[in-house]
Amino acid sequence: MKIVGSAGDGLRLALVYQDVSFRPVAIWQGLAAHPRVASVEVFLEGLGPRAFTRDRAYESGRLRLWVAGDKAVGRRRFLSPYRLLVARRLAHAIRCADWDVLFVASQSVASVMAARAAICSRRPFVLFTHGPGRGQSSLGALAHSVRAWMARHASGHIPACYSSLGALLECGAGTLNLSIGYGTCCSFEDFGPDAPMGHLPRELTSEPTQGPAILYVGRFVAYKRPADVVLAFSRSHQCRHARLWMVGEGPQASALRELASTCGLNGRVVFAPFQSAPDLRAIYEAADVLVMPSEFETWGHVVQEAMLQGTPVIASAASGAGEWLLRDGATGWLHRPGDVGQLATLLDQALDSPLDRISMGARARQRALQHSPDALAGEWVRVACSAVASESAAVREDA
């Protein structure tokens, strides 16, 4: 594969990702289309489950992918033999490639080796830092030491939110070349104003109960706390004439159905499987409130996806999107993870005034529109230019 078109005098950017996802593709394309960028090369550990998006990435002639492995790596152990092999391949490719600035995340051994390759070649790298999340707790002090090393050596930083900025400062990172909150965003191709609109699935149109619709979208797993939504819905006074749509799949599906029955919510809680992006957009638009109650989310893309449709969100305070995109009481509501009582109170507040809810949804849409792939691309280029200038100054001082 070769980059098509003239490189010109612009920046040559390299990005390290775990595997292909539909979410960053628009950002890659935005970077490749930026007037100050000559080329974008994305280094992937593996293609992952969404390999079909590889074709979408080639829409720009200045963008190409380099894949180190032929398997998904997301669920493999952090230091598994396969991931170590892939990391060595990826680091070698990065050392041999022509680029001016490298963007890496502190989430994998491949990212660490890529950062080391940048340092050894005296080229700058910019560090992504995700929002609240589990991290690599099983590695304990070693993981913290690695993150601190990367933070100190990075020429620029893109923390997901203020919480991740605090973690960076604790690691000894500098405060220059920062762009807070611009690490990721949802797919505007799928959920933006011009995205295709689908239809509500049969499960959500066949239920007889009318009234406001509360929505949960996500996997039915413990750390996302879907049971909290069912419990809060059962306790909310304003939800007595409302519906709860649970869209997703996962190991807790049977337990959630039993919980809804135990709470006497038969007929008012409707379950539907994961949907295509157009149909999911229709679900967001039809819902009155989205609830995202996770114990932690490094970002939480469903928050912005719903906000783009003008749907207010009650989001966990332990999420990057919740902390960065929501202004509590203005463009949505933040709640403490695990506090079912507070969640029920916020549901009452959200459903108390339809006019206030519509007004909040309009403000939420405007806030989400500001956090676009083009906006991210502009911030990344700004940080990259600053990183190049800082590295050039350091080289001159050493000389």
Protein backbone atom coordinates (compact mmCIF):
# COMPACT_ATOMS: atom_id res chain seq x y z
CA MET A 1 0.00 0.00 0.00
CA LYS A 2 1.27 3.44 -0.89
CA ILE A 3 0.00 6.85 0.01
CA VAL A 4 -1.69 8.38 -3.01
CA GLY A 5 -1.11 12.01 -3.84
CA SER A 6 1.54 14.57 -3.11
CA ALA A 7 2.93 14.77 0.42
CA GLY A 8 3.81 18.44 0.10
CA ASP A 9 5.39 20.24 3.04
CA GLY A 10 2.77 19.37 5.66
CA LEU A 11 3.05 17.27 8.78
CA ARG A 12 3.43 13.51 8.49
CA LEU A 13 1.45 11.96 11.34
CA ALA A 14 1.58 8.43 12.73
CA LEU A 15 -1.09 6.99 15.07
CA VAL A 16 -1.04 3.81 17.14
CA TYR A 17 -4.33 2.02 17.82
CA GLN A 18 -5.24 -1.37 19.22
CA ASP A 19 -7.53 -2.32 16.33
CA VAL A 20 -10.02 -0.91 13.86
CA SER A 21 -13.14 0.66 15.29
CA PHE A 22 -15.80 2.70 13.52
CA ARG A 23 -15.25 5.61 15.91
CA PRO A 24 -11.75 6.90 15.06
CA VAL A 25 -12.04 6.43 11.30
CA ALA A 26 -13.71 9.83 10.85
CA ILE A 27 -10.92 11.44 12.89
CA TRP A 28 -8.28 9.78 10.71
CA GLN A 29 -10.06 11.08 7.61
CA GLY A 30 -10.33 14.56 9.15
CA LEU A 31 -6.60 14.59 9.85
CA ALA A 32 -5.79 13.43 6.32
CA ALA A 33 -7.96 16.22 4.89
CA HIS A 34 -6.42 18.93 7.08
CA PRO A 35 -4.47 21.52 5.02
CA ARG A 36 -1.44 21.32 7.32
CA VAL A 37 -1.16 17.52 7.11
CA ALA A 38 0.73 15.73 4.33
CA SER A 39 -0.01 12.13 5.34
CA VAL A 40 -1.53 9.98 8.09
CA GLU A 41 -0.33 6.45 8.76
CA VAL A 42 -2.27 4.36 11.29
CA PHE A 43 -0.43 1.47 12.95
CA LEU A 44 -2.78 -1.21 14.26
CA GLU A 45 -2.08 -4.16 16.54
CA GLY A 46 -4.86 -6.07 14.76
CA LEU A 47 -7.95 -5.54 12.64
CA GLY A 48 -10.34 -6.63 15.37
CA PRO A 49 -14.05 -7.46 14.97
CA ARG A 50 -14.85 -4.43 12.80
CA ALA A 51 -12.50 -5.12 9.91
CA PHE A 52 -15.14 -3.91 7.45
CA THR A 53 -14.30 -0.30 8.39
CA ARG A 54 -10.89 -0.77 6.82
CA ASP A 55 -12.38 0.10 3.42
CA ARG A 56 -13.87 3.32 4.79
CA ALA A 57 -10.41 4.40 5.91
CA TYR A 58 -9.09 4.49 2.36
CA GLU A 59 -11.46 7.21 1.19
CA SER A 60 -8.59 9.71 1.54
CA GLY A 61 -5.52 9.30 -0.63
CA ARG A 62 -3.25 10.56 2.16
CA LEU A 63 -4.31 7.89 4.66
CA ARG A 64 -3.09 4.33 4.98
CA LEU A 65 -3.20 1.51 7.53
CA TRP A 66 -0.41 -0.77 8.68
CA VAL A 67 -1.57 -3.90 10.53
CA ALA A 68 0.87 -5.82 12.74
CA GLY A 69 -1.29 -8.90 13.41
CA ASP A 70 -4.14 -10.83 11.85
CA LYS A 71 -6.09 -11.44 15.07
CA ALA A 72 -8.14 -9.32 17.46
CA VAL A 73 -6.04 -8.40 20.50
CA GLY A 74 -8.59 -6.63 22.70
CA ARG A 75 -9.41 -9.56 24.98
CA ARG A 76 -5.93 -11.07 25.11
CA ARG A 77 -3.80 -10.71 28.22
CA PHE A 78 -1.77 -7.51 28.43
CA LEU A 79 1.56 -9.42 28.30
CA SER A 80 0.47 -12.47 26.30
CA PRO A 81 3.09 -13.94 23.90
CA TYR A 82 1.00 -12.93 20.90
CA ARG A 83 0.65 -9.31 22.03
CA LEU A 84 4.39 -9.11 22.70
CA LEU A 85 5.10 -10.43 19.20
CA VAL A 86 2.70 -7.92 17.66
CA ALA A 87 4.22 -5.10 19.73
CA ARG A 88 7.72 -5.89 18.45
CA ARG A 89 6.48 -5.92 14.84
CA LEU A 90 4.67 -2.63 15.32
CA ALA A 91 7.63 -0.90 17.01
CA HIS A 92 9.96 -1.99 14.20
CA ALA A 93 7.57 -0.63 11.56
CA ILE A 94 7.34 2.69 13.39
CA ARG A 95 11.12 3.02 13.64
CA CYS A 96 11.41 2.49 9.86
CA ALA A 97 8.52 4.74 8.83
CA ASP A 98 8.72 8.41 7.82
CA TRP A 99 6.70 10.57 10.17
CA ASP A 100 7.07 13.80 12.13
CA VAL A 101 4.79 13.21 15.16
CA LEU A 102 3.52 9.98 16.71
CA PHE A 103 0.22 9.76 18.64
CA VAL A 104 -0.02 6.93 21.19
CA ALA A 105 -2.31 5.84 24.03
CA SER A 106 -1.05 4.43 27.33
CA GLN A 107 -3.15 1.28 27.11
CA SER A 108 -0.96 -1.47 25.65
CA VAL A 109 2.58 -2.79 25.53
CA ALA A 110 2.63 -1.90 21.81
CA SER A 111 2.02 1.75 22.69
CA VAL A 112 4.89 1.69 25.19
CA MET A 113 7.27 0.20 22.63
CA ALA A 114 6.08 2.70 20.03
CA ALA A 115 6.82 5.58 22.39
CA ARG A 116 10.28 4.14 23.04
CA ALA A 117 10.87 3.95 19.30
CA ALA A 118 9.98 7.65 19.02
CA ILE A 119 12.37 8.59 21.81
CA CYS A 120 15.22 6.57 20.32
CA SER A 121 14.76 8.22 16.94
CA ARG A 122 14.60 11.69 18.53
CA ARG A 123 11.10 12.34 17.21
CA PRO A 124 8.19 13.67 19.32
CA PHE A 125 5.19 11.68 20.47
CA VAL A 126 1.85 12.88 21.83
CA LEU A 127 0.16 10.88 24.58
CA PHE A 128 -3.57 10.18 24.78
CA THR A 129 -4.86 9.67 28.32
CA HIS A 130 -8.29 8.12 28.68
CA GLY A 131 -10.92 9.13 31.20
CA PRO A 132 -11.92 7.21 34.36
CA GLY A 133 -11.50 3.47 33.91
CA ARG A 134 -10.10 0.27 35.27
CA GLY A 135 -6.68 0.70 33.70
CA GLN A 136 -4.28 -2.20 34.03
CA SER A 137 -4.82 -2.76 37.76
CA SER A 138 -3.47 -6.32 37.59
CA LEU A 139 -0.02 -4.91 36.82
CA GLY A 140 -0.14 -2.61 39.83
CA ALA A 141 2.93 -0.47 40.43
CA LEU A 142 4.52 -1.52 37.14
CA ALA A 143 1.64 -0.07 35.12
CA HIS A 144 1.79 3.19 37.08
CA SER A 145 5.55 3.46 36.52
CA VAL A 146 5.13 2.87 32.77
CA ARG A 147 2.39 5.49 32.50
CA ALA A 148 4.51 7.96 34.47
CA TRP A 149 7.51 7.33 32.19
CA MET A 150 5.42 7.93 29.08
CA ALA A 151 3.84 11.08 30.57
CA ARG A 152 7.23 12.60 31.40
CA HIS A 153 8.73 11.92 27.96
CA ALA A 154 5.75 12.97 25.82
CA SER A 155 6.03 16.21 23.87
CA GLY A 156 2.27 16.80 24.04
CA HIS A 157 -0.78 15.50 25.85
CA ILE A 158 -4.44 14.98 24.96
CA PRO A 159 -6.23 13.99 28.19
CA ALA A 160 -9.85 12.89 27.78
CA CYS A 161 -11.11 15.07 30.65
CA TYR A 162 -9.99 16.90 33.77
CA SER A 163 -9.69 13.67 35.77
CA SER A 164 -7.15 12.30 33.31
CA LEU A 165 -5.34 15.66 33.33
CA GLY A 166 -4.99 15.29 37.10
CA ALA A 167 -3.52 11.81 36.66
CA LEU A 168 -1.03 13.22 34.15
CA LEU A 169 0.10 15.93 36.52
CA GLU A 170 0.57 13.36 39.28
CA CYS A 171 2.87 11.45 36.92
CA GLY A 172 5.04 14.53 36.46
CA ALA A 173 3.85 15.57 33.00
CA GLY A 174 4.35 19.14 31.91
CA THR A 175 1.48 21.54 31.27
CA LEU A 176 2.58 22.67 27.79
CA ASN A 177 1.04 21.39 24.54
CA LEU A 178 -2.27 20.34 26.11
CA SER A 179 -5.64 19.77 24.47
CA ILE A 180 -8.07 18.63 27.15
CA GLY A 181 -11.10 16.61 26.08
CA TYR A 182 -10.20 16.07 22.42
CA GLY A 183 -9.03 12.43 22.46
CA THR A 184 -12.08 10.86 20.84
CA CYS A 185 -15.65 11.41 19.74
CA CYS A 186 -18.53 9.39 18.35
CA SER A 187 -19.00 8.76 14.62
CA PHE A 188 -20.67 11.74 12.96
CA GLU A 189 -21.00 9.60 9.85
CA ASP A 190 -23.40 7.40 11.82
CA PHE A 191 -24.92 9.84 14.34
CA GLY A 192 -24.30 13.36 13.02
CA PRO A 193 -26.97 15.68 11.55
CA ASP A 194 -26.60 14.22 8.04
CA ALA A 195 -26.45 10.56 9.10
CA PRO A 196 -29.12 8.16 7.79
CA MET A 197 -32.17 7.74 10.02
CA GLY A 198 -33.56 4.24 10.52
CA HIS A 199 -36.68 2.91 12.23
CA LEU A 200 -37.64 1.83 15.70
CA PRO A 201 -37.27 -1.94 16.11
CA ARG A 202 -40.36 -4.10 16.41
CA GLU A 203 -39.76 -4.70 20.13
CA LEU A 204 -40.14 -0.99 20.90
CA THR A 205 -43.17 -0.32 18.71
CA SER A 206 -45.29 -3.30 19.76
CA GLU A 207 -45.51 -2.42 23.46
CA PRO A 208 -48.86 -0.85 24.39
CA THR A 209 -47.77 1.48 27.20
CA GLN A 210 -47.49 5.15 26.26
CA GLY A 211 -45.69 7.95 28.03
CA PRO A 212 -42.06 9.10 28.27
CA ALA A 213 -39.35 6.62 27.26
CA ILE A 214 -36.23 6.10 29.39
CA LEU A 215 -33.38 4.50 27.44
CA TYR A 216 -30.37 2.36 28.30
CA VAL A 217 -27.95 1.37 25.52
CA GLY A 218 -25.01 -0.91 26.21
CA ARG A 219 -23.84 -4.35 27.16
CA PHE A 220 -25.58 -6.09 30.04
CA VAL A 221 -22.47 -6.55 32.19
CA ALA A 222 -21.75 -5.81 35.84
CA TYR A 223 -19.54 -2.71 35.53
CA LYS A 224 -22.11 -0.91 33.32
CA ARG A 225 -24.69 -1.37 36.11
CA PRO A 226 -27.83 -1.86 33.96
CA ALA A 227 -29.67 -3.18 37.04
CA ASP A 228 -29.39 0.29 38.58
CA VAL A 229 -31.51 1.67 35.75
CA VAL A 230 -34.25 -0.89 36.37
CA LEU A 231 -34.20 -0.26 40.14
CA ALA A 232 -34.21 3.54 39.77
CA PHE A 233 -37.03 3.31 37.22
CA SER A 234 -39.10 1.27 39.69
CA ARG A 235 -38.54 3.85 42.48
CA SER A 236 -39.11 7.00 40.44
CA HIS A 237 -42.51 8.66 40.98
CA GLN A 238 -42.43 10.31 37.54
CA CYS A 239 -41.73 6.96 35.86
CA ARG A 240 -45.04 5.40 36.92
CA HIS A 241 -46.48 6.16 33.49
CA ALA A 242 -43.19 5.88 31.59
CA ARG A 243 -41.49 3.11 29.61
CA LEU A 244 -37.97 1.73 29.98
CA TRP A 245 -36.14 0.60 26.85
CA MET A 246 -33.17 -1.68 27.50
CA VAL A 247 -31.19 -1.98 24.27
CA GLY A 248 -28.26 -4.36 24.38
CA GLU A 249 -27.09 -7.88 25.05
CA GLY A 250 -24.92 -9.61 27.60
CA PRO A 251 -24.62 -12.17 30.40
CA GLN A 252 -26.97 -10.27 32.74
CA ALA A 253 -29.91 -10.27 30.31
CA SER A 254 -31.85 -13.04 32.09
CA ALA A 255 -31.21 -11.53 35.53
CA LEU A 256 -32.42 -8.13 34.32
CA ARG A 257 -35.66 -9.62 33.02
CA GLU A 258 -36.19 -11.35 36.36
CA LEU A 259 -35.45 -8.11 38.21
CA ALA A 260 -38.00 -6.22 36.11
CA SER A 261 -40.60 -8.89 36.89
CA THR A 262 -39.77 -8.85 40.60
CA CYS A 263 -40.19 -5.06 40.66
CA GLY A 264 -43.64 -5.40 39.06
CA LEU A 265 -42.58 -3.73 35.82
CA ASN A 266 -43.93 -6.31 33.38
CA GLY A 267 -45.08 -4.57 30.20
CA ARG A 268 -43.23 -1.37 31.06
CA VAL A 269 -39.66 -2.60 30.57
CA VAL A 270 -38.90 -3.67 26.99
CA PHE A 271 -35.70 -5.42 25.90
CA ALA A 272 -34.25 -5.16 22.41
CA PRO A 273 -30.93 -6.44 20.97
CA PHE A 274 -28.18 -4.22 19.63
CA GLN A 275 -29.26 -2.29 16.53
CA SER A 276 -27.66 -0.88 13.40
CA ALA A 277 -26.47 2.72 13.61
CA PRO A 278 -29.45 4.17 11.64
CA ASP A 279 -31.97 2.32 13.82
CA LEU A 280 -30.07 3.26 16.96
CA ARG A 281 -30.21 6.89 15.89
CA ALA A 282 -34.00 6.56 15.58
CA ILE A 283 -34.14 5.06 19.10
CA TYR A 284 -32.12 7.95 20.55
CA GLU A 285 -34.41 10.48 18.88
CA ALA A 286 -37.58 8.76 20.12
CA ALA A 287 -36.36 8.45 23.72
CA ASP A 288 -36.90 11.20 26.26
CA VAL A 289 -33.84 10.51 28.44
CA LEU A 290 -30.75 8.29 28.10
CA VAL A 291 -29.22 6.81 31.25
CA MET A 292 -25.56 5.75 31.32
CA PRO A 293 -24.89 4.50 34.89
CA SER A 294 -21.51 2.74 34.50
CA GLU A 295 -19.03 2.35 37.33
CA PHE A 296 -16.46 3.71 34.89
CA GLU A 297 -16.14 4.51 31.20
CA THR A 298 -12.94 5.68 29.56
CA TRP A 299 -15.21 7.80 27.36
CA GLY A 300 -18.78 6.55 26.87
CA HIS A 301 -19.76 7.17 23.25
CA VAL A 302 -23.50 6.61 23.83
CA VAL A 303 -23.56 9.92 25.71
CA GLN A 304 -22.58 11.98 22.66
CA GLU A 305 -24.60 9.79 20.28
CA ALA A 306 -27.77 10.60 22.25
CA MET A 307 -26.89 14.28 22.71
CA LEU A 308 -26.52 14.68 18.94
CA GLN A 309 -30.18 13.66 18.58
CA GLY A 310 -31.28 16.24 21.14
CA THR A 311 -31.85 13.65 23.88
CA PRO A 312 -30.85 14.70 27.41
CA VAL A 313 -28.51 12.32 29.26
CA ILE A 314 -28.08 11.22 32.85
CA ALA A 315 -24.47 10.04 32.86
CA SER A 316 -22.09 8.53 35.35
CA ALA A 317 -19.66 11.06 36.80
CA ALA A 318 -16.97 8.37 36.33
CA SER A 319 -16.94 8.71 32.54
CA GLY A 320 -14.88 10.84 30.20
CA ALA A 321 -17.85 11.94 28.09
CA GLY A 322 -19.97 12.65 31.14
CA GLU A 323 -17.29 14.77 32.76
CA TRP A 324 -16.29 16.62 29.60
CA LEU A 325 -19.47 17.00 27.52
CA LEU A 326 -22.11 17.42 30.23
CA ARG A 327 -22.64 20.58 32.21
CA ASP A 328 -24.60 19.29 35.19
CA GLY A 329 -28.09 20.76 35.10
CA ALA A 330 -27.46 22.60 31.80
CA THR A 331 -26.72 20.02 29.09
CA GLY A 332 -27.51 16.92 31.17
CA TRP A 333 -27.11 15.45 34.64
CA LEU A 334 -24.24 13.70 36.38
CA HIS A 335 -24.78 11.05 39.04
CA ARG A 336 -22.64 9.04 41.43
CA PRO A 337 -22.17 5.47 40.14
CA GLY A 338 -24.07 2.97 42.29
CA ASP A 339 -26.33 5.55 43.94
CA VAL A 340 -29.75 4.24 42.86
CA GLY A 341 -31.58 6.75 45.04
CA GLN A 342 -29.90 9.70 43.36
CA LEU A 343 -30.55 8.16 39.95
CA ALA A 344 -34.27 7.85 40.75
CA THR A 345 -34.33 11.49 41.88
CA LEU A 346 -32.67 12.60 38.64
CA LEU A 347 -35.23 10.64 36.63
CA ASP A 348 -37.98 12.48 38.52
CA GLN A 349 -36.26 15.76 37.76
CA ALA A 350 -35.79 14.92 34.08
CA LEU A 351 -39.44 13.95 33.56
CA ASP A 352 -40.96 16.67 35.74
CA SER A 353 -41.07 19.34 33.01
CA PRO A 354 -41.27 18.36 29.32
CA LEU A 355 -40.46 21.91 28.23
CA ASP A 356 -37.30 22.05 30.36
CA ARG A 357 -36.31 18.63 29.02
CA ILE A 358 -36.71 19.79 25.41
CA SER A 359 -34.69 22.92 26.12
CA MET A 360 -31.94 20.86 27.74
CA GLY A 361 -31.92 18.51 24.74
CA ALA A 362 -31.36 21.46 22.39
CA ARG A 363 -28.42 22.68 24.49
CA ALA A 364 -27.05 19.14 24.62
CA ARG A 365 -27.15 18.89 20.82
CA GLN A 366 -25.22 22.13 20.42
CA ARG A 367 -22.61 20.99 22.92
CA ALA A 368 -22.20 17.62 21.15
CA LEU A 369 -21.91 19.25 17.73
CA GLN A 370 -18.93 21.28 18.93
CA HIS A 371 -17.07 18.05 19.70
CA SER A 372 -16.81 16.93 16.06
CA PRO A 373 -14.13 14.94 14.20
CA ASP A 374 -13.06 18.15 12.43
CA ALA A 375 -12.66 19.90 15.78
CA LEU A 376 -10.57 17.00 17.06
CA ALA A 377 -8.41 17.02 13.92
CA GLY A 378 -7.74 20.74 14.36
CA GLU A 379 -6.69 20.26 17.99
CA TRP A 380 -4.47 17.29 17.15
CA VAL A 381 -2.69 19.29 14.45
CA ARG A 382 -2.19 22.20 16.84
CA VAL A 383 -0.67 19.93 19.49
CA ALA A 384 1.45 18.18 16.84
CA CYS A 385 2.88 21.49 15.61
CA SER A 386 3.73 22.48 19.18
CA ALA A 387 5.32 19.08 19.79
CA VAL A 388 7.53 19.45 16.70
CA ALA A 389 8.58 22.94 17.79
CA SER A 390 9.40 21.71 21.31
CA GLU A 391 11.44 18.78 20.03
CA SER A 392 13.34 20.99 17.57
CA ALA A 393 14.18 23.43 20.38
CA ALA A 394 15.42 20.56 22.56
CA VAL A 395 17.63 19.23 19.75
CA ARG A 396 19.14 22.68 19.21
CA GLU A 397 19.89 22.98 22.92
CA ASP A 398 21.61 19.59 22.95
CA ALA A 399 23.67 20.62 19.95
